[in-house]
Amino acid sequence: MQRWIPVAGVCLLTLGGCAAQHQAAPKTDTVSGADAQANWKQRQADFARMSAWRLQGKVGVQFQDQSASFNMSWLQNGNDGYEMNIKNPLTGSIVAYLKGSPGEVTLQTNGKTYQDASAERLLQGQLGVSLPLDGMKYWVRGVPAPDSPVQKVKLDAQGRPEMLQQSGWVVAYNGWQDNDWKALPEKINLSRAPDTKVKVIAKDWQTRY
């Protein structure tokens, strides 16, 4: 994107100072066997206890007639606090820094600071990037958000989602770190009608319980 300019003095992301979070697993319509469904429920229960995680990877976004790609380092502390560095995919320099807390999101880019209650609205308005972070903090790990209904889930034999439909988004999983039912995703494709697509390639995962 033409508007991305490196931000000076942004924070380095580290895992620490995290409190455990407990969330109830949502009801879903699954297409799979009993063993896979049992693993799916256990996956959601286990991941709800995850107190912090960090994802480093690449993101591609298509929205209407615009497209963008960038590297991302996303630190999530519990369910409500996060920090994200958005980086130039060629130089690795930080072009934006996003920090979220309950009720407030701050974006630093182009030497300026912006605030909003909605991260999606802030990113769209200042960077032209549409990322549904409220849902993505769950979807990128291969679980549904616990606070909204799930329209459809299709599971693989290990009880991991092949496809998840929630909050107007369709999330498809095309790769995993290993074959275990607790494996974290490597390739995630998100789409929302009529013309928004997001592709996430996870290069490195770190988690804490």
N, C-alpha and C. Protein backbone atom coordinates (compact mmCIF):
# COMPACT_ATOMS: atom_id res chain seq x y z
N MET A 1 0.83 -1.19 0.00
CA MET A 1 0.00 0.00 0.00
C MET A 1 0.87 1.25 0.00
N GLN A 2 0.52 2.26 -0.72
CA GLN A 2 1.33 3.45 -0.85
C GLN A 2 1.43 4.24 0.46
N ARG A 3 0.47 4.08 1.34
CA ARG A 3 0.43 4.89 2.54
C ARG A 3 1.26 4.30 3.68
N TRP A 4 1.87 3.15 3.49
CA TRP A 4 2.61 2.52 4.56
C TRP A 4 4.00 3.14 4.64
N ILE A 5 4.33 3.76 5.74
CA ILE A 5 5.63 4.37 5.98
C ILE A 5 6.12 3.89 7.32
N PRO A 6 7.43 3.54 7.47
CA PRO A 6 7.94 2.98 8.73
C PRO A 6 7.64 3.88 9.92
N VAL A 7 7.33 3.24 11.06
CA VAL A 7 7.06 3.93 12.31
C VAL A 7 8.26 3.77 13.23
N ALA A 8 8.71 4.84 13.81
CA ALA A 8 9.86 4.78 14.70
C ALA A 8 9.41 4.48 16.12
N GLY A 9 10.28 3.79 16.88
CA GLY A 9 10.06 3.60 18.30
C GLY A 9 8.94 2.66 18.66
N VAL A 10 8.64 1.68 17.83
CA VAL A 10 7.58 0.74 18.18
C VAL A 10 8.13 -0.33 19.11
N CYS A 11 7.20 -1.00 19.82
CA CYS A 11 7.58 -1.97 20.84
C CYS A 11 7.95 -3.31 20.21
N LEU A 12 8.89 -4.02 20.84
CA LEU A 12 9.15 -5.39 20.48
C LEU A 12 8.13 -6.26 21.17
N LEU A 13 7.67 -7.31 20.49
CA LEU A 13 6.63 -8.17 21.04
C LEU A 13 7.26 -9.30 21.82
N THR A 14 6.81 -9.50 23.05
CA THR A 14 7.32 -10.58 23.89
C THR A 14 6.17 -11.25 24.58
N LEU A 15 6.37 -12.52 24.95
CA LEU A 15 5.36 -13.25 25.69
C LEU A 15 5.64 -13.09 27.17
N GLY A 16 4.68 -12.52 27.91
CA GLY A 16 4.88 -12.36 29.34
C GLY A 16 3.73 -11.63 29.97
N GLY A 17 3.60 -11.75 31.30
CA GLY A 17 2.59 -11.04 32.03
C GLY A 17 1.18 -11.40 31.65
N CYS A 18 0.90 -12.69 31.48
CA CYS A 18 -0.39 -13.10 30.93
C CYS A 18 -1.22 -13.80 32.00
N ALA A 19 -2.52 -13.57 31.99
CA ALA A 19 -3.45 -14.24 32.90
C ALA A 19 -4.28 -15.23 32.12
N ALA A 20 -4.54 -16.40 32.70
CA ALA A 20 -5.30 -17.44 32.00
C ALA A 20 -6.74 -16.98 31.78
N GLN A 21 -7.31 -17.40 30.64
CA GLN A 21 -8.68 -17.06 30.29
C GLN A 21 -9.47 -18.34 30.12
N HIS A 22 -10.72 -18.33 30.53
CA HIS A 22 -11.59 -19.50 30.42
C HIS A 22 -12.83 -19.13 29.64
N GLN A 23 -13.11 -19.86 28.57
CA GLN A 23 -14.28 -19.58 27.74
C GLN A 23 -15.03 -20.87 27.49
N ALA A 24 -16.32 -20.79 27.43
CA ALA A 24 -17.14 -21.96 27.12
C ALA A 24 -17.12 -22.23 25.63
N ALA A 25 -17.08 -23.51 25.26
CA ALA A 25 -17.08 -23.87 23.84
C ALA A 25 -18.44 -23.59 23.23
N PRO A 26 -18.49 -23.00 22.02
CA PRO A 26 -19.77 -22.70 21.39
C PRO A 26 -20.41 -23.95 20.78
N LYS A 27 -21.71 -23.87 20.54
CA LYS A 27 -22.39 -24.94 19.84
C LYS A 27 -22.13 -24.82 18.35
N THR A 28 -21.94 -25.96 17.69
CA THR A 28 -21.65 -25.94 16.27
C THR A 28 -22.40 -27.06 15.57
N ASP A 29 -22.55 -26.90 14.27
CA ASP A 29 -23.04 -27.98 13.41
C ASP A 29 -21.82 -28.59 12.75
N THR A 30 -21.50 -29.83 13.08
CA THR A 30 -20.30 -30.46 12.57
C THR A 30 -20.64 -31.53 11.56
N VAL A 31 -19.71 -31.77 10.66
CA VAL A 31 -19.84 -32.83 9.66
C VAL A 31 -18.65 -33.76 9.84
N SER A 32 -18.78 -34.74 10.73
CA SER A 32 -17.66 -35.65 10.99
C SER A 32 -18.13 -36.73 11.94
N GLY A 33 -17.20 -37.65 12.33
CA GLY A 33 -17.53 -38.74 13.21
C GLY A 33 -17.46 -38.35 14.67
N ALA A 34 -17.83 -39.31 15.55
CA ALA A 34 -17.89 -39.03 16.99
C ALA A 34 -16.51 -38.71 17.56
N ASP A 35 -15.46 -39.45 17.14
CA ASP A 35 -14.12 -39.19 17.65
C ASP A 35 -13.65 -37.79 17.27
N ALA A 36 -13.89 -37.40 16.03
CA ALA A 36 -13.47 -36.08 15.58
C ALA A 36 -14.21 -34.99 16.36
N GLN A 37 -15.50 -35.20 16.62
CA GLN A 37 -16.27 -34.21 17.37
C GLN A 37 -15.78 -34.10 18.81
N ALA A 38 -15.39 -35.23 19.40
CA ALA A 38 -14.85 -35.20 20.76
C ALA A 38 -13.54 -34.42 20.80
N ASN A 39 -12.67 -34.65 19.81
CA ASN A 39 -11.42 -33.91 19.73
C ASN A 39 -11.67 -32.42 19.51
N TRP A 40 -12.67 -32.11 18.71
CA TRP A 40 -13.02 -30.72 18.43
C TRP A 40 -13.44 -29.99 19.71
N LYS A 41 -14.27 -30.63 20.53
CA LYS A 41 -14.69 -30.04 21.79
C LYS A 41 -13.50 -29.88 22.73
N GLN A 42 -12.63 -30.90 22.76
CA GLN A 42 -11.46 -30.82 23.64
C GLN A 42 -10.50 -29.74 23.18
N ARG A 43 -10.37 -29.58 21.86
CA ARG A 43 -9.50 -28.53 21.31
C ARG A 43 -9.96 -27.15 21.79
N GLN A 44 -11.27 -26.91 21.70
CA GLN A 44 -11.79 -25.61 22.12
C GLN A 44 -11.58 -25.38 23.61
N ALA A 45 -11.79 -26.42 24.42
CA ALA A 45 -11.61 -26.29 25.87
C ALA A 45 -10.14 -26.02 26.20
N ASP A 46 -9.22 -26.74 25.55
CA ASP A 46 -7.80 -26.55 25.82
C ASP A 46 -7.32 -25.18 25.37
N PHE A 47 -7.74 -24.75 24.19
CA PHE A 47 -7.28 -23.47 23.67
C PHE A 47 -7.87 -22.30 24.45
N ALA A 48 -9.04 -22.49 25.08
CA ALA A 48 -9.62 -21.44 25.92
C ALA A 48 -8.74 -21.15 27.13
N ARG A 49 -7.91 -22.11 27.52
CA ARG A 49 -7.00 -21.92 28.65
C ARG A 49 -5.68 -21.30 28.25
N MET A 50 -5.48 -21.08 26.96
CA MET A 50 -4.24 -20.47 26.48
C MET A 50 -4.17 -19.01 26.94
N SER A 51 -3.16 -18.67 27.71
CA SER A 51 -3.09 -17.31 28.28
C SER A 51 -2.44 -16.31 27.35
N ALA A 52 -1.60 -16.77 26.43
CA ALA A 52 -0.93 -15.85 25.49
C ALA A 52 -0.41 -16.63 24.30
N TRP A 53 -0.31 -15.93 23.17
CA TRP A 53 0.29 -16.54 21.99
C TRP A 53 0.88 -15.46 21.09
N ARG A 54 1.83 -15.88 20.26
CA ARG A 54 2.40 -14.97 19.28
C ARG A 54 2.48 -15.67 17.93
N LEU A 55 2.00 -14.99 16.91
CA LEU A 55 2.01 -15.49 15.54
C LEU A 55 2.85 -14.55 14.69
N GLN A 56 3.80 -15.13 13.98
CA GLN A 56 4.58 -14.37 13.00
C GLN A 56 4.37 -15.02 11.63
N GLY A 57 4.05 -14.19 10.64
CA GLY A 57 3.77 -14.75 9.34
C GLY A 57 3.54 -13.69 8.29
N LYS A 58 2.90 -14.11 7.20
CA LYS A 58 2.60 -13.23 6.07
C LYS A 58 1.10 -13.13 5.88
N VAL A 59 0.66 -11.97 5.42
CA VAL A 59 -0.77 -11.72 5.20
C VAL A 59 -0.97 -11.09 3.84
N GLY A 60 -1.95 -11.58 3.11
CA GLY A 60 -2.38 -10.96 1.86
C GLY A 60 -3.84 -10.60 1.96
N VAL A 61 -4.21 -9.40 1.52
CA VAL A 61 -5.57 -8.90 1.64
C VAL A 61 -6.05 -8.41 0.28
N GLN A 62 -7.27 -8.80 -0.09
CA GLN A 62 -7.94 -8.27 -1.27
C GLN A 62 -9.28 -7.68 -0.83
N PHE A 63 -9.51 -6.41 -1.20
CA PHE A 63 -10.74 -5.74 -0.82
C PHE A 63 -11.19 -4.87 -1.98
N GLN A 64 -12.34 -5.22 -2.57
CA GLN A 64 -12.85 -4.54 -3.75
C GLN A 64 -11.77 -4.57 -4.83
N ASP A 65 -11.28 -3.40 -5.29
CA ASP A 65 -10.27 -3.39 -6.33
C ASP A 65 -8.87 -3.14 -5.79
N GLN A 66 -8.68 -3.29 -4.47
CA GLN A 66 -7.38 -3.04 -3.86
C GLN A 66 -6.81 -4.34 -3.30
N SER A 67 -5.49 -4.40 -3.21
CA SER A 67 -4.82 -5.55 -2.61
C SER A 67 -3.57 -5.07 -1.89
N ALA A 68 -3.16 -5.83 -0.90
CA ALA A 68 -1.97 -5.50 -0.13
C ALA A 68 -1.37 -6.77 0.44
N SER A 69 -0.09 -6.76 0.72
CA SER A 69 0.56 -7.87 1.39
C SER A 69 1.57 -7.30 2.38
N PHE A 70 1.73 -7.99 3.49
CA PHE A 70 2.64 -7.51 4.52
C PHE A 70 3.02 -8.67 5.44
N ASN A 71 4.11 -8.49 6.17
CA ASN A 71 4.47 -9.41 7.23
C ASN A 71 3.85 -8.93 8.54
N MET A 72 3.61 -9.86 9.44
CA MET A 72 2.90 -9.54 10.66
C MET A 72 3.51 -10.27 11.85
N SER A 73 3.64 -9.57 12.96
CA SER A 73 3.98 -10.17 14.25
C SER A 73 2.89 -9.79 15.23
N TRP A 74 2.11 -10.76 15.67
CA TRP A 74 0.90 -10.53 16.46
C TRP A 74 1.06 -11.21 17.82
N LEU A 75 1.08 -10.41 18.87
CA LEU A 75 1.11 -10.91 20.24
C LEU A 75 -0.26 -10.72 20.86
N GLN A 76 -0.86 -11.81 21.35
CA GLN A 76 -2.16 -11.76 22.00
C GLN A 76 -2.00 -12.14 23.46
N ASN A 77 -2.40 -11.26 24.38
CA ASN A 77 -2.40 -11.54 25.81
C ASN A 77 -3.84 -11.73 26.27
N GLY A 78 -4.22 -12.95 26.60
CA GLY A 78 -5.60 -13.24 26.95
C GLY A 78 -6.49 -13.01 25.74
N ASN A 79 -7.72 -12.59 25.99
CA ASN A 79 -8.66 -12.37 24.89
C ASN A 79 -8.80 -10.90 24.51
N ASP A 80 -8.34 -10.00 25.37
CA ASP A 80 -8.64 -8.59 25.16
C ASP A 80 -7.44 -7.70 24.85
N GLY A 81 -6.24 -8.13 25.15
CA GLY A 81 -5.08 -7.29 24.91
C GLY A 81 -4.18 -7.85 23.82
N TYR A 82 -3.75 -6.98 22.90
CA TYR A 82 -2.86 -7.45 21.84
C TYR A 82 -1.98 -6.32 21.33
N GLU A 83 -0.89 -6.71 20.69
CA GLU A 83 0.00 -5.80 19.99
C GLU A 83 0.34 -6.43 18.64
N MET A 84 0.42 -5.61 17.62
CA MET A 84 0.72 -6.12 16.29
C MET A 84 1.67 -5.18 15.56
N ASN A 85 2.75 -5.74 15.05
CA ASN A 85 3.64 -5.02 14.16
C ASN A 85 3.33 -5.43 12.72
N ILE A 86 3.04 -4.48 11.87
CA ILE A 86 2.83 -4.70 10.44
C ILE A 86 4.08 -4.25 9.72
N LYS A 87 4.68 -5.16 8.93
CA LYS A 87 6.01 -4.91 8.37
C LYS A 87 6.00 -4.95 6.85
N ASN A 88 6.89 -4.18 6.26
CA ASN A 88 7.10 -4.21 4.81
C ASN A 88 7.62 -5.60 4.44
N PRO A 89 6.99 -6.29 3.47
CA PRO A 89 7.40 -7.66 3.15
C PRO A 89 8.77 -7.74 2.48
N LEU A 90 9.25 -6.64 1.91
CA LEU A 90 10.54 -6.64 1.23
C LEU A 90 11.69 -6.25 2.14
N THR A 91 11.49 -5.20 2.95
CA THR A 91 12.57 -4.68 3.78
C THR A 91 12.50 -5.16 5.23
N GLY A 92 11.33 -5.60 5.67
CA GLY A 92 11.16 -5.99 7.05
C GLY A 92 10.95 -4.83 8.00
N SER A 93 10.95 -3.61 7.50
CA SER A 93 10.76 -2.44 8.36
C SER A 93 9.30 -2.36 8.82
N ILE A 94 9.09 -1.83 10.01
CA ILE A 94 7.75 -1.72 10.59
C ILE A 94 7.05 -0.50 10.00
N VAL A 95 5.88 -0.73 9.41
CA VAL A 95 5.13 0.36 8.78
C VAL A 95 3.94 0.78 9.63
N ALA A 96 3.52 -0.05 10.58
CA ALA A 96 2.42 0.31 11.47
C ALA A 96 2.50 -0.55 12.72
N TYR A 97 2.07 0.04 13.81
CA TYR A 97 2.02 -0.64 15.11
C TYR A 97 0.62 -0.48 15.67
N LEU A 98 -0.01 -1.61 15.99
CA LEU A 98 -1.39 -1.63 16.48
C LEU A 98 -1.41 -2.20 17.89
N LYS A 99 -2.10 -1.52 18.79
CA LYS A 99 -2.23 -2.00 20.17
C LYS A 99 -3.69 -1.92 20.58
N GLY A 100 -4.20 -3.03 21.11
CA GLY A 100 -5.60 -3.08 21.50
C GLY A 100 -5.78 -3.42 22.96
N SER A 101 -6.75 -2.81 23.59
CA SER A 101 -7.18 -3.10 24.95
C SER A 101 -8.69 -2.95 24.98
N PRO A 102 -9.38 -3.40 26.03
CA PRO A 102 -10.83 -3.33 26.04
C PRO A 102 -11.36 -1.92 25.77
N GLY A 103 -12.12 -1.77 24.68
CA GLY A 103 -12.74 -0.50 24.35
C GLY A 103 -11.87 0.51 23.63
N GLU A 104 -10.60 0.18 23.38
CA GLU A 104 -9.73 1.17 22.74
C GLU A 104 -8.65 0.48 21.90
N VAL A 105 -8.44 0.99 20.70
CA VAL A 105 -7.39 0.51 19.81
C VAL A 105 -6.56 1.71 19.36
N THR A 106 -5.24 1.56 19.39
CA THR A 106 -4.33 2.63 18.98
C THR A 106 -3.50 2.16 17.80
N LEU A 107 -3.40 2.99 16.79
CA LEU A 107 -2.60 2.70 15.60
C LEU A 107 -1.57 3.81 15.41
N GLN A 108 -0.29 3.41 15.27
CA GLN A 108 0.78 4.34 14.96
C GLN A 108 1.27 4.05 13.55
N THR A 109 1.24 5.04 12.69
CA THR A 109 1.72 4.88 11.33
C THR A 109 2.01 6.26 10.75
N ASN A 110 3.02 6.34 9.91
CA ASN A 110 3.35 7.60 9.22
C ASN A 110 3.60 8.74 10.21
N GLY A 111 4.17 8.38 11.36
CA GLY A 111 4.49 9.39 12.36
C GLY A 111 3.31 9.93 13.12
N LYS A 112 2.13 9.33 12.96
CA LYS A 112 0.93 9.81 13.62
C LYS A 112 0.28 8.69 14.42
N THR A 113 -0.55 9.08 15.38
CA THR A 113 -1.26 8.13 16.23
C THR A 113 -2.76 8.32 16.08
N TYR A 114 -3.46 7.20 15.89
CA TYR A 114 -4.91 7.23 15.71
C TYR A 114 -5.54 6.30 16.74
N GLN A 115 -6.76 6.64 17.17
CA GLN A 115 -7.47 5.82 18.13
C GLN A 115 -8.91 5.59 17.69
N ASP A 116 -9.44 4.42 18.06
CA ASP A 116 -10.82 4.07 17.74
C ASP A 116 -11.21 2.92 18.65
N ALA A 117 -12.50 2.68 18.76
CA ALA A 117 -12.98 1.53 19.52
C ALA A 117 -12.93 0.25 18.69
N SER A 118 -12.82 0.38 17.35
CA SER A 118 -12.83 -0.76 16.44
C SER A 118 -11.52 -0.87 15.69
N ALA A 119 -10.82 -1.99 15.85
CA ALA A 119 -9.58 -2.21 15.11
C ALA A 119 -9.84 -2.33 13.61
N GLU A 120 -10.94 -3.00 13.25
CA GLU A 120 -11.25 -3.18 11.83
C GLU A 120 -11.51 -1.83 11.16
N ARG A 121 -12.25 -0.97 11.84
CA ARG A 121 -12.54 0.35 11.29
C ARG A 121 -11.28 1.21 11.21
N LEU A 122 -10.43 1.09 12.20
CA LEU A 122 -9.19 1.87 12.23
C LEU A 122 -8.24 1.45 11.12
N LEU A 123 -8.06 0.16 10.93
CA LEU A 123 -7.18 -0.34 9.87
C LEU A 123 -7.73 0.00 8.49
N GLN A 124 -9.04 -0.12 8.33
CA GLN A 124 -9.65 0.18 7.05
C GLN A 124 -9.51 1.66 6.71
N GLY A 125 -9.73 2.51 7.71
CA GLY A 125 -9.69 3.94 7.46
C GLY A 125 -8.31 4.50 7.22
N GLN A 126 -7.30 3.96 7.93
CA GLN A 126 -5.96 4.53 7.84
C GLN A 126 -5.01 3.78 6.90
N LEU A 127 -5.20 2.47 6.76
CA LEU A 127 -4.31 1.67 5.90
C LEU A 127 -5.02 1.06 4.71
N GLY A 128 -6.35 1.11 4.69
CA GLY A 128 -7.07 0.48 3.60
C GLY A 128 -7.05 -1.04 3.67
N VAL A 129 -6.87 -1.59 4.87
CA VAL A 129 -6.77 -3.03 5.07
C VAL A 129 -7.94 -3.49 5.92
N SER A 130 -8.66 -4.52 5.47
CA SER A 130 -9.81 -5.04 6.20
C SER A 130 -9.42 -6.34 6.89
N LEU A 131 -9.26 -6.29 8.22
CA LEU A 131 -8.93 -7.47 9.01
C LEU A 131 -9.91 -7.58 10.17
N PRO A 132 -10.70 -8.65 10.25
CA PRO A 132 -11.66 -8.82 11.34
C PRO A 132 -10.97 -9.38 12.59
N LEU A 133 -10.21 -8.54 13.29
CA LEU A 133 -9.36 -9.02 14.37
C LEU A 133 -10.13 -9.65 15.52
N ASP A 134 -11.37 -9.17 15.78
CA ASP A 134 -12.14 -9.74 16.89
C ASP A 134 -12.38 -11.24 16.68
N GLY A 135 -12.66 -11.63 15.46
CA GLY A 135 -12.82 -13.06 15.17
C GLY A 135 -11.51 -13.75 14.88
N MET A 136 -10.59 -13.03 14.23
CA MET A 136 -9.32 -13.66 13.84
C MET A 136 -8.48 -14.12 15.01
N LYS A 137 -8.61 -13.49 16.17
CA LYS A 137 -7.80 -13.92 17.32
C LYS A 137 -8.15 -15.35 17.74
N TYR A 138 -9.32 -15.83 17.32
CA TYR A 138 -9.70 -17.23 17.51
C TYR A 138 -9.46 -18.04 16.24
N TRP A 139 -9.90 -17.51 15.10
CA TRP A 139 -9.85 -18.27 13.85
C TRP A 139 -8.43 -18.66 13.45
N VAL A 140 -7.46 -17.78 13.69
CA VAL A 140 -6.10 -18.11 13.28
C VAL A 140 -5.55 -19.30 14.05
N ARG A 141 -6.13 -19.60 15.20
CA ARG A 141 -5.71 -20.78 15.97
C ARG A 141 -6.54 -22.02 15.65
N GLY A 142 -7.56 -21.86 14.80
CA GLY A 142 -8.38 -23.01 14.44
C GLY A 142 -9.47 -23.33 15.43
N VAL A 143 -10.06 -22.28 16.03
CA VAL A 143 -11.22 -22.44 16.92
C VAL A 143 -12.19 -21.29 16.63
N PRO A 144 -13.48 -21.47 16.94
CA PRO A 144 -14.45 -20.39 16.71
C PRO A 144 -14.42 -19.38 17.84
N ALA A 145 -14.87 -18.16 17.56
CA ALA A 145 -15.07 -17.17 18.61
C ALA A 145 -16.22 -17.63 19.51
N PRO A 146 -16.09 -17.52 20.82
CA PRO A 146 -17.11 -18.07 21.73
C PRO A 146 -18.33 -17.17 21.91
N ASP A 147 -18.28 -15.94 21.39
CA ASP A 147 -19.36 -14.99 21.69
C ASP A 147 -20.32 -14.76 20.54
N SER A 148 -20.28 -15.60 19.49
CA SER A 148 -21.23 -15.47 18.39
C SER A 148 -21.52 -16.86 17.82
N PRO A 149 -22.71 -17.05 17.25
CA PRO A 149 -23.08 -18.39 16.76
C PRO A 149 -22.23 -18.81 15.56
N VAL A 150 -22.03 -20.10 15.45
CA VAL A 150 -21.29 -20.69 14.34
C VAL A 150 -22.29 -21.28 13.36
N GLN A 151 -22.21 -20.86 12.11
CA GLN A 151 -23.15 -21.35 11.11
C GLN A 151 -22.81 -22.76 10.64
N LYS A 152 -21.52 -23.05 10.50
CA LYS A 152 -21.13 -24.36 9.98
C LYS A 152 -19.68 -24.64 10.30
N VAL A 153 -19.39 -25.90 10.59
CA VAL A 153 -18.01 -26.37 10.77
C VAL A 153 -17.87 -27.71 10.08
N LYS A 154 -16.82 -27.87 9.32
CA LYS A 154 -16.47 -29.17 8.74
C LYS A 154 -15.13 -29.59 9.31
N LEU A 155 -15.09 -30.78 9.92
CA LEU A 155 -13.90 -31.26 10.61
C LEU A 155 -13.16 -32.30 9.78
N ASP A 156 -11.84 -32.38 10.02
CA ASP A 156 -11.08 -33.48 9.43
C ASP A 156 -11.08 -34.65 10.40
N ALA A 157 -10.37 -35.71 10.07
CA ALA A 157 -10.40 -36.92 10.87
C ALA A 157 -9.84 -36.72 12.28
N GLN A 158 -8.96 -35.71 12.46
CA GLN A 158 -8.37 -35.44 13.76
C GLN A 158 -9.22 -34.48 14.61
N GLY A 159 -10.32 -34.00 14.06
CA GLY A 159 -11.15 -33.08 14.80
C GLY A 159 -10.74 -31.63 14.66
N ARG A 160 -9.92 -31.33 13.66
CA ARG A 160 -9.54 -29.94 13.37
C ARG A 160 -10.46 -29.40 12.29
N PRO A 161 -10.69 -28.10 12.27
CA PRO A 161 -11.61 -27.57 11.27
C PRO A 161 -10.98 -27.52 9.88
N GLU A 162 -11.70 -28.02 8.90
CA GLU A 162 -11.33 -27.78 7.51
C GLU A 162 -11.96 -26.49 7.02
N MET A 163 -13.16 -26.21 7.53
CA MET A 163 -13.88 -24.99 7.18
C MET A 163 -14.73 -24.56 8.37
N LEU A 164 -14.73 -23.25 8.64
CA LEU A 164 -15.49 -22.67 9.73
C LEU A 164 -16.22 -21.45 9.20
N GLN A 165 -17.51 -21.35 9.44
CA GLN A 165 -18.31 -20.22 8.99
C GLN A 165 -18.91 -19.52 10.20
N GLN A 166 -18.58 -18.23 10.35
CA GLN A 166 -19.01 -17.48 11.53
C GLN A 166 -18.96 -15.99 11.25
N SER A 167 -19.95 -15.25 11.75
CA SER A 167 -19.98 -13.78 11.69
C SER A 167 -19.81 -13.24 10.27
N GLY A 168 -20.37 -13.96 9.30
CA GLY A 168 -20.29 -13.52 7.92
C GLY A 168 -19.01 -13.87 7.20
N TRP A 169 -18.10 -14.56 7.87
CA TRP A 169 -16.82 -14.95 7.28
C TRP A 169 -16.77 -16.46 7.11
N VAL A 170 -16.12 -16.90 6.04
CA VAL A 170 -15.81 -18.31 5.82
C VAL A 170 -14.31 -18.47 5.97
N VAL A 171 -13.90 -19.36 6.88
CA VAL A 171 -12.49 -19.58 7.18
C VAL A 171 -12.12 -20.99 6.75
N ALA A 172 -11.17 -21.11 5.83
CA ALA A 172 -10.72 -22.41 5.34
C ALA A 172 -9.28 -22.65 5.79
N TYR A 173 -9.02 -23.89 6.22
CA TYR A 173 -7.70 -24.26 6.73
C TYR A 173 -7.05 -25.24 5.75
N ASN A 174 -5.86 -24.87 5.27
CA ASN A 174 -5.21 -25.65 4.23
C ASN A 174 -3.85 -26.21 4.63
N GLY A 175 -3.49 -26.11 5.90
CA GLY A 175 -2.23 -26.66 6.35
C GLY A 175 -2.09 -26.54 7.85
N TRP A 176 -1.39 -27.52 8.45
CA TRP A 176 -1.22 -27.56 9.90
C TRP A 176 0.24 -27.84 10.24
N GLN A 177 0.63 -27.49 11.47
CA GLN A 177 2.01 -27.70 11.89
C GLN A 177 2.36 -29.18 11.97
N ASP A 178 1.41 -30.00 12.40
CA ASP A 178 1.64 -31.44 12.46
C ASP A 178 0.28 -32.14 12.38
N ASN A 179 0.25 -33.43 12.68
CA ASN A 179 -0.98 -34.21 12.51
C ASN A 179 -1.80 -34.33 13.78
N ASP A 180 -1.37 -33.72 14.87
CA ASP A 180 -2.08 -33.82 16.14
C ASP A 180 -3.35 -32.97 16.12
N TRP A 181 -4.35 -33.35 16.90
CA TRP A 181 -5.60 -32.59 16.93
C TRP A 181 -5.42 -31.21 17.55
N LYS A 182 -4.32 -31.01 18.29
CA LYS A 182 -4.03 -29.71 18.88
C LYS A 182 -3.10 -28.86 18.03
N ALA A 183 -2.80 -29.33 16.82
CA ALA A 183 -1.87 -28.59 15.95
C ALA A 183 -2.42 -27.21 15.61
N LEU A 184 -1.53 -26.25 15.45
CA LEU A 184 -1.91 -24.90 15.06
C LEU A 184 -1.85 -24.77 13.54
N PRO A 185 -2.67 -23.91 12.96
CA PRO A 185 -2.72 -23.79 11.49
C PRO A 185 -1.47 -23.15 10.92
N GLU A 186 -1.18 -23.51 9.67
CA GLU A 186 -0.10 -22.88 8.91
C GLU A 186 -0.65 -22.03 7.77
N LYS A 187 -1.79 -22.43 7.20
CA LYS A 187 -2.36 -21.68 6.10
C LYS A 187 -3.86 -21.49 6.35
N ILE A 188 -4.29 -20.22 6.38
CA ILE A 188 -5.69 -19.88 6.66
C ILE A 188 -6.18 -18.93 5.58
N ASN A 189 -7.31 -19.24 4.98
CA ASN A 189 -7.95 -18.36 3.99
C ASN A 189 -9.29 -17.89 4.54
N LEU A 190 -9.48 -16.58 4.62
CA LEU A 190 -10.73 -15.99 5.08
C LEU A 190 -11.39 -15.27 3.92
N SER A 191 -12.70 -15.37 3.83
CA SER A 191 -13.43 -14.66 2.78
C SER A 191 -14.77 -14.19 3.31
N ARG A 192 -15.21 -13.04 2.80
CA ARG A 192 -16.51 -12.48 3.15
C ARG A 192 -17.12 -11.88 1.89
N ALA A 193 -18.36 -12.23 1.63
CA ALA A 193 -19.05 -11.71 0.45
C ALA A 193 -19.23 -10.20 0.59
N PRO A 194 -19.13 -9.44 -0.50
CA PRO A 194 -18.97 -9.98 -1.85
C PRO A 194 -17.52 -10.08 -2.33
N ASP A 195 -16.56 -9.35 -1.71
CA ASP A 195 -15.26 -9.25 -2.37
C ASP A 195 -14.10 -9.01 -1.42
N THR A 196 -14.15 -9.58 -0.22
CA THR A 196 -13.04 -9.43 0.71
C THR A 196 -12.40 -10.79 0.97
N LYS A 197 -11.08 -10.86 0.79
CA LYS A 197 -10.34 -12.10 1.02
C LYS A 197 -9.08 -11.79 1.83
N VAL A 198 -8.76 -12.67 2.77
CA VAL A 198 -7.56 -12.53 3.58
C VAL A 198 -6.86 -13.89 3.62
N LYS A 199 -5.57 -13.90 3.33
CA LYS A 199 -4.78 -15.12 3.39
C LYS A 199 -3.67 -14.95 4.42
N VAL A 200 -3.58 -15.88 5.36
CA VAL A 200 -2.57 -15.83 6.41
C VAL A 200 -1.69 -17.07 6.30
N ILE A 201 -0.39 -16.86 6.23
CA ILE A 201 0.58 -17.96 6.26
C ILE A 201 1.39 -17.82 7.54
N ALA A 202 1.22 -18.76 8.46
CA ALA A 202 1.90 -18.71 9.75
C ALA A 202 3.29 -19.32 9.63
N LYS A 203 4.30 -18.52 9.92
CA LYS A 203 5.68 -18.99 9.86
C LYS A 203 6.18 -19.49 11.21
N ASP A 204 5.66 -18.90 12.29
CA ASP A 204 6.13 -19.28 13.62
C ASP A 204 5.02 -19.05 14.64
N TRP A 205 4.82 -20.04 15.51
CA TRP A 205 3.85 -19.95 16.60
C TRP A 205 4.58 -20.09 17.92
N GLN A 206 4.16 -19.28 18.92
CA GLN A 206 4.57 -19.45 20.29
C GLN A 206 3.32 -19.35 21.15
N THR A 207 3.15 -20.27 22.11
CA THR A 207 1.96 -20.27 22.94
C THR A 207 2.35 -20.42 24.40
N ARG A 208 1.45 -19.96 25.27
CA ARG A 208 1.66 -20.08 26.72
C ARG A 208 0.33 -20.39 27.38
N TYR A 209 0.35 -21.33 28.33
CA TYR A 209 -0.85 -21.70 29.08
C TYR A 209 -0.70 -21.27 30.55
